[in-house]
Amino acid sequence: MPPTEARRAPIRPPLKRPLKRSWWQGPWPIIIAGGLVLAMVAALVYLSLLRSPGPSSAGITGDQIAARVAAVSPAVSSQIGAGGTTNPFSTGSSTVLRNSAGLPMVIYVGADYCPYCAAERWSLVLATSRFGQLRNMSLGSSSSTDVFPNTPTFSFTGATYTSSVIDFSFVETSDRQQKPKSTPDALQQSEFTKYNSTGSIPFVDIASRHIAVGSGYPPDVLQNLSWSTIASDLINPDSLVAKDIVGNANWITAAICQVTGSKPLSTCSAPEITTLESQLGK
């Protein structure tokens, strides 16, 4: 007989333990990378909003829009009158503030980021254009991160004004990112401090006699409109845009007429202006 073989347990292959993967082989790299991408996209969007000028201004200059605003007809102005706006002025000094040439001084202090300044400038451009000529105007918009973001407007930075009737002095103290831009001169600062205890803007001073702090109408009426649309709306006395901008401009015009002795007569003798002038403090 063949020799008996010893019985042996079958040989089993060694158990294989799953290899421990490094963290970078798991889902975390994908999660982290995705988070970084989202953060970068969010940062780019935020920066683009800060740098965005707001509504498109392609092919349009500030002087062109300002000229359209200045061209609002006497018929439209007469039909609008106050336009539902209220007297924006408080009474200041009993003495008319004049420059060295004897012209009454109109002072504006504002800032590019400020949506209320954005609204007020439309009325100021119209009102002061009735007494002289603005040049080198630039288009702009208020801050994209403030209330009423990207309100379309002008900027007075770099602008010039000529008039034989008034001296229009203006300054924009900060840019759209609220960084310092220009410093008020001694007279602007003196009037601002004297008549503006809160330091609010916009600040409009009509020869120290009539003082307005804040805009004469709410900026929301200008939201999501282009400069051209706003300028076009001004020829329609039934539009809310025209009622607010022209109505507020008529108050400013009446205040200026009071300190110029109703000069020029072509502007100051208009019935809607004389009516509003009679409602101003003396």
Protein backbone atom coordinates (compact mmCIF):
# COMPACT_ATOMS: atom_id res chain seq x y z
CA MET A 1 0.00 0.00 0.00
CA PRO A 2 1.14 3.42 -0.69
CA PRO A 3 2.24 5.26 2.31
CA THR A 4 -0.45 7.24 4.05
CA GLU A 5 -0.17 11.01 3.49
CA ALA A 6 -0.55 13.25 6.44
CA ARG A 7 -3.73 15.32 6.27
CA ARG A 8 -3.00 19.04 6.20
CA ALA A 9 -5.38 21.95 6.49
CA PRO A 10 -5.81 23.67 3.21
CA ILE A 11 -3.59 26.71 2.84
CA ARG A 12 -5.65 29.90 2.64
CA PRO A 13 -4.33 33.07 1.15
CA PRO A 14 -3.66 35.76 3.75
CA LEU A 15 -6.50 38.15 4.42
CA LYS A 16 -6.14 41.43 2.55
CA ARG A 17 -6.89 44.50 4.58
CA PRO A 18 -8.18 47.46 2.65
CA LEU A 19 -5.42 49.95 2.09
CA LYS A 20 -5.84 53.18 4.03
CA ARG A 21 -6.21 55.99 1.51
CA SER A 22 -4.60 59.37 1.99
CA TRP A 23 -6.97 62.31 2.58
CA TRP A 24 -6.27 63.62 -0.91
CA GLN A 25 -7.73 60.42 -2.39
CA GLY A 26 -11.06 61.10 -0.67
CA PRO A 27 -13.81 63.62 -1.34
CA TRP A 28 -12.20 66.48 0.60
CA PRO A 29 -9.96 67.79 -2.20
CA ILE A 30 -13.00 68.11 -4.44
CA ILE A 31 -15.00 69.84 -1.73
CA ILE A 32 -12.18 72.24 -0.91
CA ALA A 33 -11.44 73.00 -4.55
CA GLY A 34 -15.12 73.68 -5.21
CA GLY A 35 -15.26 76.01 -2.23
CA LEU A 36 -12.23 77.92 -3.45
CA VAL A 37 -13.73 78.32 -6.90
CA LEU A 38 -17.00 79.61 -5.46
CA ALA A 39 -15.11 82.04 -3.22
CA MET A 40 -13.11 83.34 -6.20
CA VAL A 41 -16.25 83.80 -8.28
CA ALA A 42 -17.97 85.64 -5.44
CA ALA A 43 -14.95 87.90 -5.00
CA LEU A 44 -14.85 88.70 -8.73
CA VAL A 45 -18.57 89.51 -8.77
CA TYR A 46 -18.18 91.77 -5.72
CA LEU A 47 -15.25 93.61 -7.27
CA SER A 48 -17.09 94.03 -10.56
CA LEU A 49 -20.02 95.56 -8.71
CA LEU A 50 -17.74 98.01 -6.97
CA ARG A 51 -16.12 99.04 -10.23
CA SER A 52 -19.25 99.06 -12.31
CA PRO A 53 -20.35 102.54 -13.38
CA GLY A 54 -23.95 101.40 -13.22
CA PRO A 55 -26.15 101.99 -16.26
CA SER A 56 -24.36 101.87 -19.60
CA SER A 57 -23.02 105.20 -20.87
CA ALA A 58 -21.73 103.96 -24.23
CA GLY A 59 -21.58 106.81 -26.73
CA ILE A 60 -23.11 109.39 -24.38
CA THR A 61 -21.29 112.26 -22.69
CA GLY A 62 -22.17 114.14 -19.54
CA ASP A 63 -22.42 117.41 -21.45
CA GLN A 64 -24.90 115.87 -23.90
CA ILE A 65 -27.20 114.69 -21.12
CA ALA A 66 -26.78 117.96 -19.21
CA ALA A 67 -27.79 119.89 -22.33
CA ARG A 68 -30.95 117.81 -22.64
CA VAL A 69 -31.78 118.48 -19.00
CA ALA A 70 -31.17 122.21 -19.45
CA ALA A 71 -33.50 122.21 -22.46
CA VAL A 72 -36.62 121.41 -20.42
CA SER A 73 -39.18 123.79 -21.88
CA PRO A 74 -40.91 126.62 -19.95
CA ALA A 75 -44.23 124.96 -20.83
CA VAL A 76 -43.23 121.73 -19.07
CA SER A 77 -41.84 123.65 -16.08
CA SER A 78 -45.03 125.71 -15.83
CA GLN A 79 -47.28 122.66 -15.97
CA ILE A 80 -45.27 120.85 -13.29
CA GLY A 81 -44.79 123.71 -10.83
CA ALA A 82 -43.73 122.05 -7.58
CA GLY A 83 -44.63 118.65 -9.00
CA GLY A 84 -45.79 117.44 -5.62
CA THR A 85 -42.42 118.16 -4.00
CA THR A 86 -42.32 120.29 -0.86
CA ASN A 87 -40.16 123.26 0.02
CA PRO A 88 -36.71 121.72 0.68
CA PHE A 89 -35.23 124.86 2.25
CA SER A 90 -34.86 126.18 5.75
CA THR A 91 -34.07 129.83 6.33
CA GLY A 92 -30.45 130.76 6.91
CA SER A 93 -28.93 134.22 7.18
CA SER A 94 -30.71 137.48 6.42
CA THR A 95 -27.61 138.59 4.50
CA VAL A 96 -26.92 137.38 0.97
CA LEU A 97 -23.54 135.65 0.65
CA ARG A 98 -21.66 137.12 -2.35
CA ASN A 99 -18.32 136.51 -4.00
CA SER A 100 -15.69 139.20 -4.55
CA ALA A 101 -17.48 140.29 -7.72
CA GLY A 102 -20.75 140.76 -5.86
CA LEU A 103 -22.51 137.70 -7.28
CA PRO A 104 -24.72 135.61 -4.95
CA MET A 105 -23.04 132.29 -4.16
CA VAL A 106 -24.71 128.91 -4.62
CA ILE A 107 -22.82 126.11 -2.85
CA TYR A 108 -23.21 122.35 -3.26
CA VAL A 109 -21.38 119.71 -1.18
CA GLY A 110 -21.89 116.04 -2.01
CA ALA A 111 -20.15 112.76 -2.80
CA ASP A 112 -20.16 110.31 -5.71
CA TYR A 113 -21.31 107.32 -3.63
CA CYS A 114 -24.34 109.12 -2.19
CA PRO A 115 -27.69 108.17 -3.82
CA TYR A 116 -29.42 111.26 -2.42
CA CYS A 117 -26.72 113.44 -3.98
CA ALA A 118 -27.29 111.53 -7.22
CA ALA A 119 -30.94 112.55 -7.21
CA GLU A 120 -30.26 116.16 -6.21
CA ARG A 121 -27.74 116.74 -9.01
CA TRP A 122 -30.40 116.31 -11.70
CA SER A 123 -32.38 119.21 -10.24
CA LEU A 124 -29.25 121.28 -9.65
CA VAL A 125 -28.15 120.87 -13.26
CA LEU A 126 -31.54 122.06 -14.49
CA ALA A 127 -31.86 124.94 -12.01
CA THR A 128 -28.33 126.35 -12.37
CA SER A 129 -28.49 126.02 -16.18
CA ARG A 130 -31.23 128.66 -16.06
CA PHE A 131 -28.66 131.15 -14.76
CA GLY A 132 -25.48 130.09 -16.56
CA GLN A 133 -23.76 127.22 -18.32
CA LEU A 134 -22.23 124.01 -17.01
CA ARG A 135 -19.43 122.39 -18.98
CA ASN A 136 -17.24 119.30 -18.67
CA MET A 137 -19.90 117.33 -16.85
CA SER A 138 -19.31 113.62 -16.39
CA LEU A 139 -21.84 110.83 -15.99
CA GLY A 140 -21.75 108.62 -12.94
CA SER A 141 -23.81 106.56 -10.56
CA SER A 142 -24.06 106.15 -6.82
CA SER A 143 -22.48 103.29 -4.89
CA SER A 144 -23.49 99.76 -5.87
CA THR A 145 -23.53 98.72 -2.20
CA ASP A 146 -25.57 101.58 -0.70
CA VAL A 147 -29.34 102.05 -0.63
CA PHE A 148 -30.79 102.82 -4.07
CA PRO A 149 -27.68 101.26 -5.67
CA ASN A 150 -26.26 102.59 -8.93
CA THR A 151 -28.58 105.59 -9.09
CA PRO A 152 -27.69 107.27 -12.41
CA THR A 153 -26.45 110.82 -12.08
CA PHE A 154 -23.73 113.32 -12.93
CA SER A 155 -20.54 114.21 -11.11
CA PHE A 156 -19.47 117.81 -10.68
CA THR A 157 -15.82 116.79 -10.38
CA GLY A 158 -13.89 118.61 -13.10
CA ALA A 159 -16.93 120.61 -14.22
CA THR A 160 -16.91 124.36 -14.80
CA TYR A 161 -19.67 126.93 -14.53
CA THR A 162 -19.95 130.39 -16.04
CA SER A 163 -22.63 132.93 -15.22
CA SER A 164 -23.08 136.69 -15.04
CA VAL A 165 -25.75 136.24 -12.35
CA ILE A 166 -24.51 133.74 -9.74
CA ASP A 167 -21.35 131.97 -8.58
CA PHE A 168 -21.98 128.22 -8.43
CA SER A 169 -19.40 126.49 -6.21
CA PHE A 170 -19.40 122.69 -5.89
CA VAL A 171 -17.36 119.83 -4.47
CA GLU A 172 -17.61 116.02 -4.41
CA THR A 173 -15.82 114.91 -1.24
CA SER A 174 -15.68 111.11 -1.86
CA ASP A 175 -15.72 108.66 -4.76
CA ARG A 176 -18.10 105.71 -5.33
CA GLN A 177 -16.13 103.57 -2.86
CA GLN A 178 -16.37 106.32 -0.19
CA LYS A 179 -12.66 107.07 -0.45
CA PRO A 180 -11.63 110.72 -0.03
CA LYS A 181 -11.73 112.62 -3.30
CA SER A 182 -11.78 116.40 -2.90
CA THR A 183 -11.62 118.76 0.07
CA PRO A 184 -14.10 121.62 0.44
CA ASP A 185 -12.50 125.05 0.23
CA ALA A 186 -12.59 127.37 3.24
CA LEU A 187 -15.90 129.01 2.31
CA GLN A 188 -17.64 125.73 1.43
CA GLN A 189 -16.49 124.20 4.70
CA SER A 190 -17.52 127.27 6.71
CA GLU A 191 -21.06 127.26 5.28
CA PHE A 192 -21.34 123.47 5.61
CA THR A 193 -20.33 123.59 9.27
CA LYS A 194 -22.50 126.61 10.09
CA TYR A 195 -25.75 125.32 8.60
CA ASN A 196 -25.40 121.55 8.74
CA SER A 197 -25.13 120.26 12.29
CA THR A 198 -25.57 116.62 11.21
CA GLY A 199 -22.92 116.76 8.48
CA SER A 200 -25.37 115.17 6.04
CA ILE A 201 -25.18 115.36 2.26
CA PRO A 202 -26.23 116.60 -0.18
CA PHE A 203 -25.90 120.14 1.11
CA VAL A 204 -27.23 123.03 -0.98
CA ASP A 205 -26.69 126.60 0.18
CA ILE A 206 -28.36 129.44 -1.74
CA ALA A 207 -26.27 132.49 -0.76
CA SER A 208 -26.62 131.64 2.97
CA ARG A 209 -30.31 132.59 2.75
CA HIS A 210 -31.84 129.22 1.89
CA ILE A 211 -30.35 125.94 3.12
CA ALA A 212 -31.28 122.41 1.99
CA VAL A 213 -29.83 119.28 3.60
CA GLY A 214 -30.80 116.06 1.83
CA SER A 215 -32.40 115.53 -1.56
CA GLY A 216 -35.62 117.24 -2.55
CA TYR A 217 -37.15 113.94 -3.72
CA PRO A 218 -36.44 110.22 -3.15
CA PRO A 219 -33.86 108.51 -5.40
CA ASP A 220 -36.04 105.44 -5.96
CA VAL A 221 -37.79 107.15 -8.89
CA LEU A 222 -34.51 106.88 -10.84
CA GLN A 223 -33.81 103.21 -10.11
CA ASN A 224 -32.90 101.01 -13.10
CA LEU A 225 -33.18 103.90 -15.56
CA SER A 226 -30.48 105.07 -17.95
CA TRP A 227 -29.36 108.67 -18.23
CA SER A 228 -31.01 108.95 -21.64
CA THR A 229 -34.30 107.59 -20.33
CA ILE A 230 -34.32 110.10 -17.49
CA ALA A 231 -33.53 112.98 -19.85
CA SER A 232 -36.30 111.82 -22.20
CA ASP A 233 -38.80 111.58 -19.34
CA LEU A 234 -38.24 115.25 -18.51
CA ILE A 235 -40.22 116.38 -21.56
CA ASN A 236 -43.30 114.56 -20.24
CA PRO A 237 -44.88 116.63 -17.45
CA ASP A 238 -46.99 113.64 -16.42
CA SER A 239 -44.01 111.38 -15.67
CA LEU A 240 -42.99 110.91 -12.05
CA VAL A 241 -39.37 111.53 -13.05
CA ALA A 242 -40.24 114.96 -14.49
CA LYS A 243 -42.46 115.90 -11.56
CA ASP A 244 -39.71 115.15 -9.03
CA ILE A 245 -36.68 116.51 -10.88
CA VAL A 246 -38.34 119.59 -12.40
CA GLY A 247 -40.46 120.26 -9.31
CA ASN A 248 -37.37 120.28 -7.09
CA ALA A 249 -35.46 122.35 -9.66
CA ASN A 250 -38.25 124.93 -9.60
CA TRP A 251 -37.84 125.32 -5.83
CA ILE A 252 -34.08 125.80 -6.30
CA THR A 253 -34.73 128.28 -9.11
CA ALA A 254 -37.15 130.26 -6.94
CA ALA A 255 -34.58 130.44 -4.13
CA ILE A 256 -31.89 131.65 -6.53
CA CYS A 257 -34.25 134.23 -8.05
CA GLN A 258 -34.89 135.64 -4.60
CA VAL A 259 -31.19 136.33 -3.98
CA THR A 260 -30.47 137.65 -7.50
CA GLY A 261 -33.25 140.22 -7.39
CA SER A 262 -35.25 138.26 -10.00
CA LYS A 263 -32.43 138.08 -12.55
CA PRO A 264 -32.65 136.97 -15.25
CA LEU A 265 -36.21 138.16 -15.65
CA SER A 266 -36.90 135.59 -18.36
CA THR A 267 -36.45 132.87 -15.75
CA CYS A 268 -37.60 134.56 -12.57
CA SER A 269 -40.84 136.02 -13.95
CA ALA A 270 -42.27 132.61 -14.82
CA PRO A 271 -45.55 132.15 -12.88
CA GLU A 272 -44.55 128.83 -11.32
CA ILE A 273 -41.29 130.39 -10.07
CA THR A 274 -42.89 133.49 -8.58
CA THR A 275 -45.50 131.30 -6.87
CA LEU A 276 -42.85 129.12 -5.22
CA GLU A 277 -40.70 132.15 -4.36
CA SER A 278 -43.61 133.60 -2.39
CA GLN A 279 -43.62 130.44 -0.26
CA LEU A 280 -39.94 130.69 0.70
CA GLY A 281 -38.76 132.31 3.89
CA LYS A 282 -37.49 135.85 3.45
